[in-house]
N, C-alpha and C. Protein backbone atom coordinates (compact mmCIF):
# COMPACT_ATOMS: atom_id res chain seq x y z
N ASN A 1 39.75 80.40 78.21
CA ASN A 1 40.23 79.19 77.56
C ASN A 1 41.69 78.93 77.94
N ALA A 2 42.04 77.69 77.93
CA ALA A 2 43.39 77.32 78.33
C ALA A 2 44.36 77.60 77.19
N TYR A 3 45.58 77.90 77.62
CA TYR A 3 46.69 78.01 76.61
C TYR A 3 46.79 76.70 75.89
N GLY A 4 46.92 76.75 74.62
CA GLY A 4 46.98 75.48 73.86
C GLY A 4 45.68 75.20 73.12
N ASP A 5 44.70 76.03 73.29
CA ASP A 5 43.42 75.89 72.67
C ASP A 5 43.35 76.89 71.47
N ALA A 6 42.88 76.45 70.33
CA ALA A 6 42.84 77.29 69.11
C ALA A 6 42.05 78.53 69.36
N GLU A 7 40.92 78.44 70.10
CA GLU A 7 40.07 79.61 70.35
C GLU A 7 40.80 80.64 71.14
N TYR A 8 41.65 80.22 72.08
CA TYR A 8 42.49 81.15 72.86
C TYR A 8 43.32 82.03 71.96
N PHE A 9 44.03 81.42 71.02
CA PHE A 9 44.92 82.17 70.12
C PHE A 9 44.13 83.03 69.11
N THR A 10 43.06 82.45 68.53
CA THR A 10 42.37 83.19 67.49
C THR A 10 41.66 84.42 68.08
N LYS A 11 41.12 84.36 69.28
CA LYS A 11 40.49 85.56 69.88
C LYS A 11 41.52 86.63 70.08
N ARG A 12 42.71 86.25 70.58
CA ARG A 12 43.74 87.24 70.85
C ARG A 12 44.20 87.90 69.59
N VAL A 13 44.41 87.14 68.54
CA VAL A 13 44.88 87.68 67.28
C VAL A 13 43.79 88.47 66.55
N ALA A 14 42.56 88.03 66.62
CA ALA A 14 41.50 88.70 65.91
C ALA A 14 41.32 90.14 66.35
N VAL A 15 41.52 90.42 67.61
CA VAL A 15 41.46 91.81 68.09
C VAL A 15 42.49 92.68 67.38
N ASN A 16 43.71 92.19 67.26
CA ASN A 16 44.78 92.89 66.56
C ASN A 16 44.45 93.05 65.11
N ILE A 17 43.88 92.03 64.48
CA ILE A 17 43.54 92.10 63.07
C ILE A 17 42.47 93.19 62.84
N ASP A 18 41.46 93.19 63.68
CA ASP A 18 40.40 94.23 63.56
C ASP A 18 40.97 95.62 63.68
N ASP A 19 41.84 95.81 64.65
CA ASP A 19 42.43 97.12 64.86
C ASP A 19 43.31 97.54 63.62
N PHE A 20 44.05 96.58 63.12
CA PHE A 20 44.89 96.88 61.97
C PHE A 20 44.06 97.15 60.71
N ILE A 21 43.01 96.42 60.51
CA ILE A 21 42.14 96.67 59.33
C ILE A 21 41.48 98.07 59.48
N SER A 22 41.07 98.39 60.66
CA SER A 22 40.47 99.73 60.83
C SER A 22 41.41 100.85 60.50
N LYS A 23 42.67 100.67 60.85
CA LYS A 23 43.66 101.71 60.55
C LYS A 23 43.93 101.77 59.06
N ILE A 24 43.97 100.62 58.37
CA ILE A 24 44.17 100.61 56.91
C ILE A 24 43.01 101.27 56.22
N ARG A 25 41.78 100.98 56.63
CA ARG A 25 40.59 101.59 56.01
C ARG A 25 40.57 103.10 56.29
N ALA A 26 40.93 103.51 57.49
CA ALA A 26 40.91 104.95 57.83
C ALA A 26 41.93 105.69 56.98
N ALA A 27 43.05 105.06 56.65
CA ALA A 27 44.06 105.72 55.81
C ALA A 27 43.73 105.60 54.31
N ASP A 28 42.62 104.94 54.00
CA ASP A 28 42.23 104.69 52.59
C ASP A 28 43.38 104.04 51.83
N ALA A 29 44.02 103.10 52.47
CA ALA A 29 45.15 102.37 51.89
C ALA A 29 44.68 100.99 51.44
N GLN A 30 45.54 100.34 50.71
CA GLN A 30 45.35 98.97 50.26
C GLN A 30 46.21 98.03 51.06
N LEU A 31 45.75 96.88 51.34
CA LEU A 31 46.52 95.86 52.05
C LEU A 31 46.34 94.51 51.31
N ILE A 32 47.43 93.90 51.06
CA ILE A 32 47.41 92.58 50.46
C ILE A 32 48.01 91.60 51.45
N ILE A 33 47.30 90.58 51.74
CA ILE A 33 47.76 89.55 52.70
C ILE A 33 47.92 88.23 51.94
N LEU A 34 49.08 87.63 52.04
CA LEU A 34 49.34 86.32 51.45
C LEU A 34 49.44 85.36 52.57
N SER A 35 48.78 84.19 52.37
CA SER A 35 48.82 83.13 53.37
C SER A 35 48.72 81.79 52.74
N ASP A 36 49.37 80.83 53.33
CA ASP A 36 49.28 79.46 52.86
C ASP A 36 47.94 78.91 53.20
N ASP A 37 47.41 78.09 52.30
CA ASP A 37 46.17 77.34 52.60
C ASP A 37 46.54 76.08 53.34
N VAL A 38 45.98 75.93 54.53
CA VAL A 38 46.30 74.79 55.35
C VAL A 38 45.18 73.75 55.32
N GLY A 39 44.10 74.04 54.62
CA GLY A 39 42.97 73.16 54.68
C GLY A 39 43.06 71.95 53.75
N CYS A 40 44.00 71.96 52.79
CA CYS A 40 44.10 70.87 51.81
C CYS A 40 45.27 69.98 52.09
N SER A 41 45.89 70.13 53.28
CA SER A 41 47.10 69.36 53.54
C SER A 41 46.75 68.19 54.50
N VAL A 42 47.71 67.35 54.74
CA VAL A 42 47.53 66.23 55.67
C VAL A 42 47.47 66.77 57.09
N ARG A 43 46.62 66.21 57.91
CA ARG A 43 46.48 66.62 59.32
C ARG A 43 47.74 66.12 60.07
N PRO A 44 48.49 67.06 60.70
CA PRO A 44 49.71 66.66 61.42
C PRO A 44 49.41 65.80 62.57
N THR A 45 50.31 64.90 62.93
CA THR A 45 50.14 64.04 64.11
C THR A 45 50.62 64.78 65.37
N ASP A 46 51.51 65.73 65.24
CA ASP A 46 52.03 66.45 66.37
C ASP A 46 50.97 67.44 66.88
N LYS A 47 50.72 67.48 68.20
CA LYS A 47 49.71 68.27 68.77
C LYS A 47 49.90 69.78 68.52
N ASP A 48 51.10 70.27 68.65
CA ASP A 48 51.40 71.67 68.40
C ASP A 48 51.24 72.07 66.93
N GLU A 49 51.59 71.18 66.04
CA GLU A 49 51.43 71.43 64.62
C GLU A 49 49.94 71.44 64.23
N ARG A 50 49.15 70.57 64.81
CA ARG A 50 47.70 70.59 64.60
C ARG A 50 47.10 71.90 65.05
N LEU A 51 47.50 72.35 66.27
CA LEU A 51 47.03 73.59 66.80
C LEU A 51 47.36 74.76 65.88
N ALA A 52 48.57 74.79 65.37
CA ALA A 52 48.99 75.87 64.47
C ALA A 52 48.18 75.81 63.21
N GLN A 53 47.94 74.63 62.63
CA GLN A 53 47.15 74.51 61.43
C GLN A 53 45.74 74.95 61.63
N GLU A 54 45.15 74.63 62.80
CA GLU A 54 43.79 75.01 63.09
C GLU A 54 43.69 76.54 63.23
N VAL A 55 44.65 77.14 63.96
CA VAL A 55 44.61 78.60 64.15
C VAL A 55 44.77 79.33 62.84
N ILE A 56 45.68 78.87 62.02
CA ILE A 56 45.93 79.53 60.71
C ILE A 56 44.67 79.45 59.85
N GLY A 57 44.05 78.29 59.82
CA GLY A 57 42.81 78.09 59.04
C GLY A 57 41.69 79.00 59.50
N ILE A 58 41.51 79.09 60.82
CA ILE A 58 40.46 79.98 61.37
C ILE A 58 40.75 81.42 61.06
N LEU A 59 42.01 81.85 61.21
CA LEU A 59 42.36 83.25 60.95
C LEU A 59 42.24 83.55 59.45
N ASN A 60 42.61 82.60 58.57
CA ASN A 60 42.40 82.83 57.16
C ASN A 60 40.96 83.08 56.82
N ARG A 61 40.06 82.30 57.40
CA ARG A 61 38.64 82.51 57.15
C ARG A 61 38.16 83.84 57.74
N TYR A 62 38.66 84.18 58.91
CA TYR A 62 38.28 85.44 59.54
C TYR A 62 38.67 86.64 58.68
N ILE A 63 39.93 86.62 58.23
CA ILE A 63 40.44 87.70 57.41
C ILE A 63 39.69 87.77 56.09
N ALA A 64 39.42 86.60 55.45
CA ALA A 64 38.66 86.58 54.22
C ALA A 64 37.29 87.15 54.41
N GLY A 65 36.69 86.95 55.56
CA GLY A 65 35.35 87.54 55.86
C GLY A 65 35.40 89.05 55.90
N LYS A 66 36.49 89.60 56.33
CA LYS A 66 36.62 91.05 56.42
C LYS A 66 37.08 91.70 55.10
N ALA A 67 37.63 90.89 54.21
CA ALA A 67 38.27 91.40 53.00
C ALA A 67 37.22 91.84 51.94
N ASP A 68 37.63 92.80 51.14
CA ASP A 68 36.81 93.24 50.00
C ASP A 68 36.94 92.20 48.84
N GLU A 69 38.09 91.65 48.65
CA GLU A 69 38.35 90.68 47.59
C GLU A 69 39.20 89.56 48.22
N VAL A 70 38.94 88.34 47.70
CA VAL A 70 39.71 87.16 48.12
C VAL A 70 39.98 86.33 46.87
N TYR A 71 41.25 85.95 46.74
CA TYR A 71 41.66 85.12 45.63
C TYR A 71 42.36 83.84 46.11
N VAL A 72 42.18 82.81 45.39
CA VAL A 72 42.94 81.55 45.64
C VAL A 72 43.89 81.38 44.47
N VAL A 73 45.14 81.17 44.67
CA VAL A 73 46.12 80.97 43.61
C VAL A 73 46.59 79.56 43.60
N GLU A 74 46.35 78.85 42.52
CA GLU A 74 46.77 77.50 42.38
C GLU A 74 47.60 77.34 41.07
N CYS A 75 48.76 76.82 41.20
CA CYS A 75 49.63 76.66 40.01
C CYS A 75 49.82 77.98 39.26
N GLY A 76 49.88 79.06 40.02
CA GLY A 76 50.13 80.40 39.42
C GLY A 76 48.91 80.99 38.80
N ILE A 77 47.73 80.40 38.93
CA ILE A 77 46.53 80.94 38.38
C ILE A 77 45.66 81.44 39.49
N ALA A 78 45.33 82.75 39.43
CA ALA A 78 44.50 83.35 40.47
C ALA A 78 43.01 83.21 40.11
N ARG A 79 42.20 82.81 41.11
CA ARG A 79 40.77 82.65 40.95
C ARG A 79 40.11 83.44 42.04
N ARG A 80 39.29 84.39 41.63
CA ARG A 80 38.61 85.21 42.62
C ARG A 80 37.44 84.42 43.22
N ILE A 81 37.39 84.38 44.56
CA ILE A 81 36.31 83.69 45.22
C ILE A 81 35.41 84.63 46.02
N LYS A 82 35.84 85.91 46.15
CA LYS A 82 35.02 86.91 46.76
C LYS A 82 35.37 88.24 46.20
C-alpha cells in the first residue's frame, strides 16, 4: 500500500501492538490505554487530518478487540462496553 493510506499505517502499528500486548500478558501485568474517541467528531476537510482520524479509529477498534475490558467515559461517567 502507498504511504498515505490508512491500511499502510494500521498494519505497521498493529504488529507493534500485538508484540507489546504479548509482553504485557507474559509479565502478568495490567495495561490501561486511554484514547480519544474520533468517531463522534466532525470529519476533517484536510486530507492528513482525515487520515489520522481514520487510523486512530481503526487502531482503537483493534485494541478494543484485544482488550479484556473496554470502557467509554462520557462526562466523567464510565460505561463498560466489553
